[in-house]
Amino acid sequence: MTISLTIGVLALQGAFSEHIQLLRRAFIVVNEEQGSVKVNWNYIEVRTPKELDQCDALIVPGGESTTISLVAARSGLLEPLRSFVKYVHSDHPSRIARSTLTGSNASPHGEPALA
């Protein structure tokens, strides 16, 4: 059996290309250890809502959360990101979102930057 999963890496700020490189290396090991299930891993840099829609999972690389939210808002990606994160935390756990060192994920006004 073969399944395909797409992991997006938010490519607005931070070490997004390094995250993708590490994912590729890590999943070589994961695929070698798999039994009867083969996973086709796809990795994409996410800069647009269309790219986000392709993702089964999303990684938000470290960066300054206020800057990330400002760039996301200017590119029309902020609300789709918020929806993706809310969808992840709802009763539909088929999507995954993880952040690597984006601080508190809160704006200077105490509001969550993405959630």
Protein backbone atom coordinates (compact mmCIF):
# COMPACT_ATOMS: atom_id res chain seq x y z
CA MET A 1 0.00 0.00 0.00
CA THR A 2 1.27 3.48 -0.88
CA ILE A 3 0.07 6.80 0.52
CA SER A 4 1.17 10.33 -0.33
CA LEU A 5 1.61 13.10 2.22
CA THR A 6 2.55 16.70 1.58
CA ILE A 7 4.39 18.62 4.26
CA GLY A 8 4.49 22.36 3.80
CA VAL A 9 7.10 24.60 5.32
CA LEU A 10 5.99 28.21 5.74
CA ALA A 11 8.46 30.14 3.60
CA LEU A 12 7.90 33.72 4.76
CA GLN A 13 10.80 34.05 7.19
CA GLY A 14 13.25 31.82 8.97
CA ALA A 15 15.25 28.79 7.89
CA PHE A 16 12.61 27.23 5.67
CA SER A 17 15.03 25.70 3.15
CA GLU A 18 17.03 24.08 5.96
CA HIS A 19 13.81 22.60 7.36
CA ILE A 20 12.99 21.02 4.00
CA GLN A 21 16.53 19.62 3.67
CA LEU A 22 16.29 18.04 7.12
CA LEU A 23 12.85 16.60 6.37
CA ARG A 24 14.15 14.95 3.22
CA ARG A 25 17.03 13.36 5.11
CA ALA A 26 14.84 12.27 8.04
CA PHE A 27 12.22 10.60 5.89
CA ILE A 28 14.81 8.59 3.99
CA VAL A 29 15.38 6.86 7.34
CA VAL A 30 11.63 6.61 8.06
CA ASN A 31 10.94 5.01 4.67
CA GLU A 32 13.74 2.48 5.21
CA GLU A 33 12.12 1.41 8.49
CA GLN A 34 8.57 1.12 7.08
CA GLY A 35 7.00 -2.28 6.64
CA SER A 36 4.25 -2.89 4.12
CA VAL A 37 3.14 0.76 3.88
CA LYS A 38 5.13 2.99 1.57
CA VAL A 39 4.83 6.74 2.02
CA ASN A 40 5.56 9.19 -0.79
CA TRP A 41 6.67 12.32 1.06
CA ASN A 42 6.29 15.64 -0.74
CA TYR A 43 7.72 18.88 0.63
CA ILE A 44 6.73 22.34 -0.51
CA GLU A 45 7.56 25.89 0.45
CA VAL A 46 4.32 27.63 1.39
CA ARG A 47 3.90 31.27 0.40
CA THR A 48 0.34 31.32 -0.95
CA PRO A 49 -3.09 30.05 0.08
CA LYS A 50 -3.04 27.70 -2.95
CA GLU A 51 0.19 26.08 -1.71
CA LEU A 52 -1.24 25.81 1.82
CA ASP A 53 -4.30 23.98 0.45
CA GLN A 54 -2.01 21.22 -0.83
CA CYS A 55 -0.64 20.47 2.66
CA ASP A 56 -1.45 17.60 4.98
CA ALA A 57 0.91 19.10 7.55
CA LEU A 58 2.59 22.47 8.05
CA ILE A 59 5.82 23.47 9.76
CA VAL A 60 6.30 27.10 10.76
CA PRO A 61 10.06 27.72 11.04
CA GLY A 62 11.38 29.96 13.76
CA GLY A 63 11.28 33.65 13.14
CA GLU A 64 9.77 36.74 14.65
CA SER A 65 6.09 35.98 14.99
CA THR A 66 4.92 39.57 14.45
CA THR A 67 6.92 39.79 11.22
CA ILE A 68 5.59 36.43 10.06
CA SER A 69 1.99 37.54 10.68
CA LEU A 70 2.55 40.89 8.91
CA VAL A 71 4.09 39.22 5.84
CA ALA A 72 1.34 36.59 5.86
CA ALA A 73 -1.33 39.31 6.01
CA ARG A 74 0.24 41.22 3.11
CA SER A 75 0.40 38.08 0.99
CA GLY A 76 -3.19 37.06 1.75
CA LEU A 77 -2.04 34.04 3.74
CA LEU A 78 -2.84 35.04 7.33
CA GLU A 79 -6.50 34.01 7.42
CA PRO A 80 -5.89 30.73 5.55
CA LEU A 81 -3.09 29.98 8.05
CA ARG A 82 -5.41 30.69 10.95
CA SER A 83 -8.04 28.41 9.41
CA PHE A 84 -5.47 25.65 8.90
CA VAL A 85 -4.37 25.86 12.54
CA LYS A 86 -7.97 25.95 13.82
CA TYR A 87 -8.88 23.00 11.60
CA VAL A 88 -5.95 21.09 13.09
CA HIS A 89 -7.18 21.73 16.61
CA SER A 90 -10.82 20.95 15.89
CA ASP A 91 -12.52 17.58 15.76
CA HIS A 92 -10.78 16.92 12.42
CA PRO A 93 -7.22 15.91 13.33
CA SER A 94 -6.20 14.88 9.83
CA ARG A 95 -3.91 17.92 9.46
CA ILE A 96 -0.90 18.71 11.60
CA ALA A 97 0.74 22.07 12.32
CA ARG A 98 3.99 22.49 14.24
CA SER A 99 6.07 25.54 15.00
CA THR A 100 9.80 25.63 15.68
CA LEU A 101 10.76 28.49 17.98
CA THR A 102 8.40 31.25 16.89
CA GLY A 103 8.31 32.68 20.37
CA SER A 104 4.97 33.03 22.05
CA ASN A 105 3.06 33.24 18.75
CA ALA A 106 1.41 36.34 20.19
CA SER A 107 1.22 39.86 18.84
CA PRO A 108 2.45 42.80 20.93
CA HIS A 109 -1.21 43.24 21.91
CA GLY A 110 -1.44 39.75 23.38
CA GLU A 111 -3.43 38.27 20.51
CA PRO A 112 -2.27 35.00 18.96
CA ALA A 113 -0.37 35.64 15.71
CA LEU A 114 -1.70 32.59 13.87
CA ALA A 115 -4.17 30.84 16.15
